[in-house]
């Protein structure tokens, strides 16, 4: 019998995207997938090891994000979230075992 569980190191960009999208949808946070993954969805193959997502995240989402993507499998800096919100900038969620960045 095959297991449908993917080991942390075998996680691919689409699986990480599904995890992040599920979190955003569960919490009613508007988002759009952009960059390489969006390009691939429209038929332009590209190699990528990151996921670019435009997100309408607010300070009240900070603790939810931190809880949803905890160490040791994830790197997510609370200060980076706060700074991104204040400056309309970016922050990263890094899946450490696979090296994927969203």
PDB file of N, CA and C in Angstrom:
ATOM      1  N   UNK A   1       0.838  -1.179   0.000  1.00  0.00           N
ATOM      2  CA  UNK A   1       0.000   0.000   0.000  1.00  0.00           C
ATOM      3  C   UNK A   1       0.885   1.244   0.000  1.00  0.00           C
ATOM      4  N   UNK A   2       0.674   2.165  -0.957  1.00  0.00           N
ATOM      5  CA  UNK A   2       1.461   3.379  -1.040  1.00  0.00           C
ATOM      6  C   UNK A   2       0.921   4.433  -0.101  1.00  0.00           C
ATOM      7  N   UNK A   3       1.834   5.173   0.505  1.00  0.00           N
ATOM      8  CA  UNK A   3       1.439   6.259   1.391  1.00  0.00           C
ATOM      9  C   UNK A   3       1.261   7.526   0.566  1.00  0.00           C
ATOM     10  N   UNK A   4       0.233   8.296   0.861  1.00  0.00           N
ATOM     11  CA  UNK A   4       0.024   9.563   0.161  1.00  0.00           C
ATOM     12  C   UNK A   4       0.705  10.706   0.891  1.00  0.00           C
ATOM     13  N   UNK A   5       1.364  10.403   1.999  1.00  0.00           N
ATOM     14  CA  UNK A   5       2.063  11.427   2.760  1.00  0.00           C
ATOM     15  C   UNK A   5       3.401  11.700   2.103  1.00  0.00           C
ATOM     16  N   UNK A   6       3.690  12.969   1.868  1.00  0.00           N
ATOM     17  CA  UNK A   6       4.942  13.377   1.246  1.00  0.00           C
ATOM     18  C   UNK A   6       5.900  13.772   2.351  1.00  0.00           C
ATOM     19  N   UNK A   7       7.123  13.230   2.308  1.00  0.00           N
ATOM     20  CA  UNK A   7       8.095  13.620   3.323  1.00  0.00           C
ATOM     21  C   UNK A   7       8.426  15.093   3.133  1.00  0.00           C
ATOM     22  N   UNK A   8       8.846  15.734   4.218  1.00  0.00           N
ATOM     23  CA  UNK A   8       9.114  17.169   4.190  1.00  0.00           C
ATOM     24  C   UNK A   8      10.142  17.547   3.143  1.00  0.00           C
ATOM     25  N   UNK A   9      11.169  16.731   2.972  1.00  0.00           N
ATOM     26  CA  UNK A   9      12.223  17.048   2.013  1.00  0.00           C
ATOM     27  C   UNK A   9      11.765  16.866   0.565  1.00  0.00           C
ATOM     28  N   UNK A  10      10.705  16.089   0.337  1.00  0.00           N
ATOM     29  CA  UNK A  10      10.222  15.824  -1.020  1.00  0.00           C
ATOM     30  C   UNK A  10       9.139  16.802  -1.468  1.00  0.00           C
ATOM     31  N   UNK A  11       8.780  17.747  -0.637  1.00  0.00           N
ATOM     32  CA  UNK A  11       7.741  18.714  -0.967  1.00  0.00           C
ATOM     33  C   UNK A  11       8.122  19.476  -2.228  1.00  0.00           C
ATOM     34  N   UNK A  12       7.195  19.576  -3.188  1.00  0.00           N
ATOM     35  CA  UNK A  12       7.491  20.339  -4.401  1.00  0.00           C
ATOM     36  C   UNK A  12       6.773  21.684  -4.349  1.00  0.00           C
ATOM     37  N   UNK A  13       7.110  22.617  -5.250  1.00  0.00           N
ATOM     38  CA  UNK A  13       6.510  23.953  -5.193  1.00  0.00           C
ATOM     39  C   UNK A  13       4.982  23.952  -5.222  1.00  0.00           C
ATOM     40  N   UNK A  14       4.383  23.058  -6.021  1.00  0.00           N
ATOM     41  CA  UNK A  14       2.923  23.031  -6.099  1.00  0.00           C
ATOM     42  C   UNK A  14       2.290  22.564  -4.784  1.00  0.00           C
ATOM     43  N   UNK A  15       2.943  21.633  -4.089  1.00  0.00           N
ATOM     44  CA  UNK A  15       2.427  21.162  -2.801  1.00  0.00           C
ATOM     45  C   UNK A  15       2.529  22.263  -1.751  1.00  0.00           C
ATOM     46  N   UNK A  16       3.637  23.017  -1.752  1.00  0.00           N
ATOM     47  CA  UNK A  16       3.757  24.134  -0.813  1.00  0.00           C
ATOM     48  C   UNK A  16       2.725  25.202  -1.147  1.00  0.00           C
ATOM     49  N   UNK A  17       2.525  25.477  -2.428  1.00  0.00           N
ATOM     50  CA  UNK A  17       1.506  26.440  -2.842  1.00  0.00           C
ATOM     51  C   UNK A  17       0.133  26.012  -2.334  1.00  0.00           C
ATOM     52  N   UNK A  18      -0.178  24.727  -2.432  1.00  0.00           N
ATOM     53  CA  UNK A  18      -1.468  24.233  -1.937  1.00  0.00           C
ATOM     54  C   UNK A  18      -1.605  24.486  -0.433  1.00  0.00           C
ATOM     55  N   UNK A  19      -0.546  24.272   0.321  1.00  0.00           N
ATOM     56  CA  UNK A  19      -0.587  24.509   1.769  1.00  0.00           C
ATOM     57  C   UNK A  19      -0.826  25.984   2.083  1.00  0.00           C
ATOM     58  N   UNK A  20      -0.074  26.853   1.391  1.00  0.00           N
ATOM     59  CA  UNK A  20      -0.222  28.295   1.632  1.00  0.00           C
ATOM     60  C   UNK A  20      -1.606  28.764   1.187  1.00  0.00           C
ATOM     61  N   UNK A  21      -2.056  28.335   0.009  1.00  0.00           N
ATOM     62  CA  UNK A  21      -3.375  28.728  -0.499  1.00  0.00           C
ATOM     63  C   UNK A  21      -4.490  28.244   0.425  1.00  0.00           C
ATOM     64  N   UNK A  22      -4.369  27.034   0.950  1.00  0.00           N
ATOM     65  CA  UNK A  22      -5.384  26.519   1.878  1.00  0.00           C
ATOM     66  C   UNK A  22      -5.465  27.394   3.119  1.00  0.00           C
ATOM     67  N   UNK A  23      -4.307  27.805   3.641  1.00  0.00           N
ATOM     68  CA  UNK A  23      -4.299  28.705   4.797  1.00  0.00           C
ATOM     69  C   UNK A  23      -4.990  30.022   4.455  1.00  0.00           C
ATOM     70  N   UNK A  24      -4.600  30.631   3.334  1.00  0.00           N
ATOM     71  CA  UNK A  24      -5.163  31.926   2.953  1.00  0.00           C
ATOM     72  C   UNK A  24      -6.670  31.836   2.734  1.00  0.00           C
ATOM     73  N   UNK A  25      -7.117  30.786   2.074  1.00  0.00           N
ATOM     74  CA  UNK A  25      -8.544  30.621   1.819  1.00  0.00           C
ATOM     75  C   UNK A  25      -9.314  30.357   3.108  1.00  0.00           C
ATOM     76  N   UNK A  26      -8.752  29.564   3.998  1.00  0.00           N
ATOM     77  CA  UNK A  26      -9.400  29.288   5.283  1.00  0.00           C
ATOM     78  C   UNK A  26      -9.637  30.568   6.069  1.00  0.00           C
ATOM     79  N   UNK A  27      -8.705  31.507   5.965  1.00  0.00           N
ATOM     80  CA  UNK A  27      -8.792  32.743   6.743  1.00  0.00           C
ATOM     81  C   UNK A  27      -9.323  33.919   5.934  1.00  0.00           C
ATOM     82  N   UNK A  28      -9.829  33.644   4.734  1.00  0.00           N
ATOM     83  CA  UNK A  28     -10.447  34.705   3.930  1.00  0.00           C
ATOM     84  C   UNK A  28      -9.481  35.794   3.514  1.00  0.00           C
ATOM     85  N   UNK A  29      -8.217  35.443   3.282  1.00  0.00           N
ATOM     86  CA  UNK A  29      -7.205  36.419   2.892  1.00  0.00           C
ATOM     87  C   UNK A  29      -7.070  36.388   1.366  1.00  0.00           C
ATOM     88  N   UNK A  30      -7.296  37.535   0.749  1.00  0.00           N
ATOM     89  CA  UNK A  30      -7.202  37.630  -0.711  1.00  0.00           C
ATOM     90  C   UNK A  30      -5.759  37.438  -1.158  1.00  0.00           C
ATOM     91  N   UNK A  31      -5.582  36.703  -2.275  1.00  0.00           N
ATOM     92  CA  UNK A  31      -4.234  36.462  -2.805  1.00  0.00           C
ATOM     93  C   UNK A  31      -4.293  36.202  -4.301  1.00  0.00           C
ATOM     94  N   UNK A  32      -3.147  36.343  -4.941  1.00  0.00           N
ATOM     95  CA  UNK A  32      -2.976  36.010  -6.352  1.00  0.00           C
ATOM     96  C   UNK A  32      -1.607  35.357  -6.503  1.00  0.00           C
ATOM     97  N   UNK A  33      -1.554  34.274  -7.239  1.00  0.00           N
ATOM     98  CA  UNK A  33      -0.281  33.633  -7.544  1.00  0.00           C
ATOM     99  C   UNK A  33       0.306  34.373  -8.734  1.00  0.00           C
ATOM    100  N   UNK A  34       1.557  34.799  -8.621  1.00  0.00           N
ATOM    101  CA  UNK A  34       2.237  35.549  -9.677  1.00  0.00           C
ATOM    102  C   UNK A  34       3.599  34.904  -9.923  1.00  0.00           C
ATOM    103  N   UNK A  35       4.365  35.427 -10.833  1.00  0.00           N
ATOM    104  CA  UNK A  35       5.714  34.935 -11.074  1.00  0.00           C
ATOM    105  C   UNK A  35       5.748  33.636 -11.857  1.00  0.00           C
ATOM    106  N   UNK A  36       6.768  32.825 -11.578  1.00  0.00           N
ATOM    107  CA  UNK A  36       7.036  31.614 -12.357  1.00  0.00           C
ATOM    108  C   UNK A  36       5.905  30.605 -12.322  1.00  0.00           C
ATOM    109  N   UNK A  37       5.309  30.360 -11.147  1.00  0.00           N
ATOM    110  CA  UNK A  37       4.229  29.372 -11.077  1.00  0.00           C
ATOM    111  C   UNK A  37       3.017  29.823 -11.880  1.00  0.00           C
ATOM    112  N   UNK A  38       2.708  31.102 -11.844  1.00  0.00           N
ATOM    113  CA  UNK A  38       1.598  31.611 -12.650  1.00  0.00           C
ATOM    114  C   UNK A  38       1.921  31.445 -14.135  1.00  0.00           C
ATOM    115  N   UNK A  39       3.162  31.712 -14.493  1.00  0.00           N
ATOM    116  CA  UNK A  39       3.587  31.551 -15.884  1.00  0.00           C
ATOM    117  C   UNK A  39       3.445  30.106 -16.335  1.00  0.00           C
ATOM    118  N   UNK A  40       3.838  29.166 -15.476  1.00  0.00           N
ATOM    119  CA  UNK A  40       3.724  27.747 -15.824  1.00  0.00           C
ATOM    120  C   UNK A  40       2.263  27.333 -15.994  1.00  0.00           C
ATOM    121  N   UNK A  41       1.375  27.931 -15.197  1.00  0.00           N
ATOM    122  CA  UNK A  41      -0.051  27.603 -15.303  1.00  0.00           C
ATOM    123  C   UNK A  41      -0.610  28.014 -16.660  1.00  0.00           C
ATOM    124  N   UNK A  42       0.004  29.030 -17.270  1.00  0.00           N
ATOM    125  CA  UNK A  42      -0.440  29.490 -18.583  1.00  0.00           C
ATOM    126  C   UNK A  42       0.354  28.867 -19.719  1.00  0.00           C
ATOM    127  N   UNK A  43       1.169  27.848 -19.410  1.00  0.00           N
ATOM    128  CA  UNK A  43       1.832  27.079 -20.453  1.00  0.00           C
ATOM    129  C   UNK A  43       3.257  27.451 -20.774  1.00  0.00           C
ATOM    130  N   UNK A  44       3.854  28.338 -20.028  1.00  0.00           N
ATOM    131  CA  UNK A  44       5.248  28.726 -20.265  1.00  0.00           C
ATOM    132  C   UNK A  44       6.117  28.039 -19.220  1.00  0.00           C
ATOM    133  N   UNK A  45       6.732  26.894 -19.573  1.00  0.00           N
ATOM    134  CA  UNK A  45       7.519  26.162 -18.587  1.00  0.00           C
ATOM    135  C   UNK A  45       8.733  26.964 -18.114  1.00  0.00           C
ATOM    136  N   UNK A  46       8.922  26.985 -16.810  1.00  0.00           N
ATOM    137  CA  UNK A  46      10.058  27.675 -16.205  1.00  0.00           C
ATOM    138  C   UNK A  46      10.469  26.919 -14.961  1.00  0.00           C
ATOM    139  N   UNK A  47      11.749  26.881 -14.696  1.00  0.00           N
ATOM    140  CA  UNK A  47      12.235  26.266 -13.464  1.00  0.00           C
ATOM    141  C   UNK A  47      12.152  27.307 -12.365  1.00  0.00           C
ATOM    142  N   UNK A  48      11.644  26.903 -11.230  1.00  0.00           N
ATOM    143  CA  UNK A  48      11.586  27.807 -10.089  1.00  0.00           C
ATOM    144  C   UNK A  48      11.695  27.017  -8.806  1.00  0.00           C
ATOM    145  N   UNK A  49      12.222  27.639  -7.801  1.00  0.00           N
ATOM    146  CA  UNK A  49      12.278  27.022  -6.481  1.00  0.00           C
ATOM    147  C   UNK A  49      11.630  27.969  -5.474  1.00  0.00           C
ATOM    148  N   UNK A  50      10.856  28.909  -5.999  1.00  0.00           N
ATOM    149  CA  UNK A  50      10.127  29.807  -5.114  1.00  0.00           C
ATOM    150  C   UNK A  50       8.711  29.993  -5.637  1.00  0.00           C
ATOM    151  N   UNK A  51       7.871  30.504  -4.761  1.00  0.00           N
ATOM    152  CA  UNK A  51       6.470  30.729  -5.097  1.00  0.00           C
ATOM    153  C   UNK A  51       6.169  32.188  -4.791  1.00  0.00           C
ATOM    154  N   UNK A  52       5.770  32.927  -5.794  1.00  0.00           N
ATOM    155  CA  UNK A  52       5.440  34.340  -5.610  1.00  0.00           C
ATOM    156  C   UNK A  52       3.933  34.474  -5.479  1.00  0.00           C
ATOM    157  N   UNK A  53       3.515  35.030  -4.342  1.00  0.00           N
ATOM    158  CA  UNK A  53       2.093  35.199  -4.063  1.00  0.00           C
ATOM    159  C   UNK A  53       1.875  36.622  -3.571  1.00  0.00           C
ATOM    160  N   UNK A  54       0.997  37.324  -4.215  1.00  0.00           N
ATOM    161  CA  UNK A  54       0.581  38.650  -3.787  1.00  0.00           C
ATOM    162  C   UNK A  54      -0.544  38.454  -2.787  1.00  0.00           C
ATOM    163  N   UNK A  55      -0.370  38.957  -1.549  1.00  0.00           N
ATOM    164  CA  UNK A  55      -1.305  38.657  -0.469  1.00  0.00           C
ATOM    165  C   UNK A  55      -1.752  39.935   0.225  1.00  0.00           C
ATOM    166  N   UNK A  56      -3.039  40.018   0.511  1.00  0.00           N
ATOM    167  CA  UNK A  56      -3.589  41.138   1.275  1.00  0.00           C
ATOM    168  C   UNK A  56      -3.556  40.762   2.758  1.00  0.00           C
ATOM    169  N   UNK A  57      -2.351  40.676   3.316  1.00  0.00           N
ATOM    170  CA  UNK A  57      -2.185  40.264   4.709  1.00  0.00           C
ATOM    171  C   UNK A  57      -2.199  41.504   5.607  1.00  0.00           C
ATOM    172  N   UNK A  58      -2.777  41.346   6.786  1.00  0.00           N
ATOM    173  CA  UNK A  58      -2.888  42.440   7.764  1.00  0.00           C
ATOM    174  C   UNK A  58      -2.269  42.005   9.088  1.00  0.00           C
ATOM    175  N   UNK A  59      -2.046  42.971   9.963  1.00  0.00           N
ATOM    176  CA  UNK A  59      -1.431  42.647  11.255  1.00  0.00           C
ATOM    177  C   UNK A  59      -2.189  41.575  12.021  1.00  0.00           C
ATOM    178  N   UNK A  60      -3.511  41.549  11.905  1.00  0.00           N
ATOM    179  CA  UNK A  60      -4.283  40.536  12.641  1.00  0.00           C
ATOM    180  C   UNK A  60      -4.029  39.121  12.117  1.00  0.00           C
ATOM    181  N   UNK A  61      -3.408  38.998  10.936  1.00  0.00           N
ATOM    182  CA  UNK A  61      -3.077  37.682  10.381  1.00  0.00           C
ATOM    183  C   UNK A  61      -1.707  37.179  10.838  1.00  0.00           C
ATOM    184  N   UNK A  62      -0.909  38.058  11.415  1.00  0.00           N
ATOM    185  CA  UNK A  62       0.474  37.726  11.776  1.00  0.00           C
ATOM    186  C   UNK A  62       0.570  36.479  12.648  1.00  0.00           C
ATOM    187  N   UNK A  63      -0.164  36.437  13.746  1.00  0.00           N
ATOM    188  CA  UNK A  63      -0.088  35.289  14.654  1.00  0.00           C
ATOM    189  C   UNK A  63      -0.611  34.015  13.998  1.00  0.00           C
ATOM    190  N   UNK A  64      -1.630  34.149  13.155  1.00  0.00           N
ATOM    191  CA  UNK A  64      -2.147  32.990  12.427  1.00  0.00           C
ATOM    192  C   UNK A  64      -1.087  32.417  11.480  1.00  0.00           C
ATOM    193  N   UNK A  65      -0.384  33.303  10.783  1.00  0.00           N
ATOM    194  CA  UNK A  65       0.690  32.866   9.891  1.00  0.00           C
ATOM    195  C   UNK A  65       1.798  32.162  10.664  1.00  0.00           C
ATOM    196  N   UNK A  66       2.199  32.769  11.779  1.00  0.00           N
ATOM    197  CA  UNK A  66       3.274  32.193  12.587  1.00  0.00           C
ATOM    198  C   UNK A  66       2.883  30.798  13.088  1.00  0.00           C
ATOM    199  N   UNK A  67       1.630  30.618  13.452  1.00  0.00           N
ATOM    200  CA  UNK A  67       1.164  29.321  13.951  1.00  0.00           C
ATOM    201  C   UNK A  67       1.022  28.302  12.823  1.00  0.00           C
ATOM    202  N   UNK A  68       0.647  28.749  11.635  1.00  0.00           N
ATOM    203  CA  UNK A  68       0.425  27.836  10.515  1.00  0.00           C
ATOM    204  C   UNK A  68       1.722  27.339   9.880  1.00  0.00           C
ATOM    205  N   UNK A  69       2.792  28.114  10.008  1.00  0.00           N
ATOM    206  CA  UNK A  69       4.077  27.766   9.400  1.00  0.00           C
ATOM    207  C   UNK A  69       5.183  27.836  10.459  1.00  0.00           C
ATOM    208  N   UNK A  70       5.121  26.903  11.441  1.00  0.00           N
ATOM    209  CA  UNK A  70       6.042  26.970  12.585  1.00  0.00           C
ATOM    210  C   UNK A  70       7.402  26.324  12.310  1.00  0.00           C
ATOM    211  N   UNK A  71       8.398  26.701  13.134  1.00  0.00           N
ATOM    212  CA  UNK A  71       9.663  25.983  13.102  1.00  0.00           C
ATOM    213  C   UNK A  71       9.432  24.577  13.653  1.00  0.00           C
ATOM    214  N   UNK A  72      10.248  23.622  13.394  1.00  0.00           N
ATOM    215  CA  UNK A  72      11.528  23.740  12.696  1.00  0.00           C
ATOM    216  C   UNK A  72      11.415  23.570  11.186  1.00  0.00           C
ATOM    217  N   UNK A  73      10.235  23.235  10.667  1.00  0.00           N
ATOM    218  CA  UNK A  73      10.110  23.027   9.217  1.00  0.00           C
ATOM    219  C   UNK A  73      10.016  24.322   8.422  1.00  0.00           C
ATOM    220  N   UNK A  74       9.695  25.417   9.091  1.00  0.00           N
ATOM    221  CA  UNK A  74       9.524  26.685   8.383  1.00  0.00           C
ATOM    222  C   UNK A  74      10.333  27.789   9.046  1.00  0.00           C
ATOM    223  N   UNK A  75      10.784  28.716   8.218  1.00  0.00           N
ATOM    224  CA  UNK A  75      11.364  29.959   8.727  1.00  0.00           C
ATOM    225  C   UNK A  75      10.420  31.069   8.306  1.00  0.00           C
ATOM    226  N   UNK A  76       9.932  31.811   9.285  1.00  0.00           N
ATOM    227  CA  UNK A  76       9.036  32.936   9.046  1.00  0.00           C
ATOM    228  C   UNK A  76       9.280  33.933  10.160  1.00  0.00           C
ATOM    229  N   UNK A  77       9.805  35.094   9.823  1.00  0.00           N
ATOM    230  CA  UNK A  77      10.146  36.101  10.826  1.00  0.00           C
ATOM    231  C   UNK A  77       8.962  37.030  11.066  1.00  0.00           C
ATOM    232  N   UNK A  78       8.532  37.108  12.312  1.00  0.00           N
ATOM    233  CA  UNK A  78       7.423  37.998  12.689  1.00  0.00           C
ATOM    234  C   UNK A  78       7.758  39.438  12.320  1.00  0.00           C
ATOM    235  N   UNK A  79       9.003  39.850  12.523  1.00  0.00           N
ATOM    236  CA  UNK A  79       9.404  41.221  12.194  1.00  0.00           C
ATOM    237  C   UNK A  79       9.314  41.487  10.690  1.00  0.00           C
ATOM    238  N   UNK A  80       9.579  40.471   9.872  1.00  0.00           N
ATOM    239  CA  UNK A  80       9.480  40.627   8.415  1.00  0.00           C
ATOM    240  C   UNK A  80       8.020  40.805   7.987  1.00  0.00           C
ATOM    241  N   UNK A  81       7.116  40.067   8.637  1.00  0.00           N
ATOM    242  CA  UNK A  81       5.684  40.231   8.340  1.00  0.00           C
ATOM    243  C   UNK A  81       5.256  41.654   8.665  1.00  0.00           C
ATOM    244  N   UNK A  82       5.607  42.107   9.869  1.00  0.00           N
ATOM    245  CA  UNK A  82       5.224  43.455  10.305  1.00  0.00           C
ATOM    246  C   UNK A  82       5.777  44.517   9.352  1.00  0.00           C
ATOM    247  N   UNK A  83       7.057  44.394   9.011  1.00  0.00           N
ATOM    248  CA  UNK A  83       7.692  45.356   8.113  1.00  0.00           C
ATOM    249  C   UNK A  83       7.037  45.343   6.730  1.00  0.00           C
ATOM    250  N   UNK A  84       6.718  44.160   6.219  1.00  0.00           N
ATOM    251  CA  UNK A  84       6.073  44.059   4.903  1.00  0.00           C
ATOM    252  C   UNK A  84       4.709  44.730   4.903  1.00  0.00           C
ATOM    253  N   UNK A  85       3.980  44.579   5.988  1.00  0.00           N
ATOM    254  CA  UNK A  85       2.657  45.200   6.079  1.00  0.00           C
ATOM    255  C   UNK A  85       2.799  46.715   6.134  1.00  0.00           C
ATOM    256  N   UNK A  86       3.703  47.192   6.968  1.00  0.00           N
ATOM    257  CA  UNK A  86       3.891  48.641   7.127  1.00  0.00           C
ATOM    258  C   UNK A  86       4.397  49.308   5.850  1.00  0.00           C
ATOM    259  N   UNK A  87       5.274  48.629   5.113  1.00  0.00           N
ATOM    260  CA  UNK A  87       5.915  49.230   3.944  1.00  0.00           C
ATOM    261  C   UNK A  87       5.343  48.739   2.611  1.00  0.00           C
ATOM    262  N   UNK A  88       4.291  47.911   2.692  1.00  0.00           N
ATOM    263  CA  UNK A  88       3.723  47.307   1.477  1.00  0.00           C
ATOM    264  C   UNK A  88       4.822  46.562   0.707  1.00  0.00           C
ATOM    265  N   UNK A  89       5.582  45.797   1.463  1.00  0.00           N
ATOM    266  CA  UNK A  89       6.714  45.066   0.890  1.00  0.00           C
ATOM    267  C   UNK A  89       6.479  43.571   0.908  1.00  0.00           C
ATOM    268  N   UNK A  90       7.563  42.826   1.063  1.00  0.00           N
ATOM    269  CA  UNK A  90       7.486  41.380   0.974  1.00  0.00           C
ATOM    270  C   UNK A  90       8.100  40.712   2.196  1.00  0.00           C
ATOM    271  N   UNK A  91       7.709  39.457   2.401  1.00  0.00           N
ATOM    272  CA  UNK A  91       8.342  38.597   3.391  1.00  0.00           C
ATOM    273  C   UNK A  91       8.344  37.184   2.833  1.00  0.00           C
ATOM    274  N   UNK A  92       9.166  36.332   3.402  1.00  0.00           N
ATOM    275  CA  UNK A  92       9.303  34.963   2.918  1.00  0.00           C
ATOM    276  C   UNK A  92       8.829  33.962   3.949  1.00  0.00           C
ATOM    277  N   UNK A  93       8.247  32.897   3.448  1.00  0.00           N
ATOM    278  CA  UNK A  93       8.020  31.687   4.234  1.00  0.00           C
ATOM    279  C   UNK A  93       8.934  30.659   3.591  1.00  0.00           C
ATOM    280  N   UNK A  94       9.915  30.181   4.348  1.00  0.00           N
ATOM    281  CA  UNK A  94      10.862  29.210   3.818  1.00  0.00           C
ATOM    282  C   UNK A  94      10.556  27.846   4.409  1.00  0.00           C
ATOM    283  N   UNK A  95      10.352  26.867   3.528  1.00  0.00           N
ATOM    284  CA  UNK A  95      10.166  25.487   3.965  1.00  0.00           C
ATOM    285  C   UNK A  95      11.569  24.889   4.016  1.00  0.00           C
ATOM    286  N   UNK A  96      12.125  24.800   5.220  1.00  0.00           N
ATOM    287  CA  UNK A  96      13.531  24.457   5.407  1.00  0.00           C
ATOM    288  C   UNK A  96      13.921  23.090   4.849  1.00  0.00           C
ATOM    289  N   UNK A  97      13.156  22.003   5.098  1.00  0.00           N
ATOM    290  CA  UNK A  97      13.605  20.708   4.582  1.00  0.00           C
ATOM    291  C   UNK A  97      13.749  20.643   3.065  1.00  0.00           C
ATOM    292  N   UNK A  98      12.898  21.344   2.339  1.00  0.00           N
ATOM    293  CA  UNK A  98      12.953  21.287   0.873  1.00  0.00           C
ATOM    294  C   UNK A  98      13.717  22.462   0.266  1.00  0.00           C
ATOM    295  N   UNK A  99      13.887  23.532   1.036  1.00  0.00           N
ATOM    296  CA  UNK A  99      14.529  24.724   0.505  1.00  0.00           C
ATOM    297  C   UNK A  99      13.605  25.608  -0.312  1.00  0.00           C
ATOM    298  N   UNK A 100      12.309  25.285  -0.327  1.00  0.00           N
ATOM    299  CA  UNK A 100      11.344  26.083  -1.096  1.00  0.00           C
ATOM    300  C   UNK A 100      11.016  27.374  -0.362  1.00  0.00           C
ATOM    301  N   UNK A 101      10.802  28.420  -1.153  1.00  0.00           N
ATOM    302  CA  UNK A 101      10.488  29.743  -0.610  1.00  0.00           C
ATOM    303  C   UNK A 101       9.165  30.201  -1.190  1.00  0.00           C
ATOM    304  N   UNK A 102       8.288  30.704  -0.326  1.00  0.00           N
ATOM    305  CA  UNK A 102       7.056  31.322  -0.812  1.00  0.00           C
ATOM    306  C   UNK A 102       6.937  32.685  -0.211  1.00  0.00           C
TER     307      UNK A 102
END
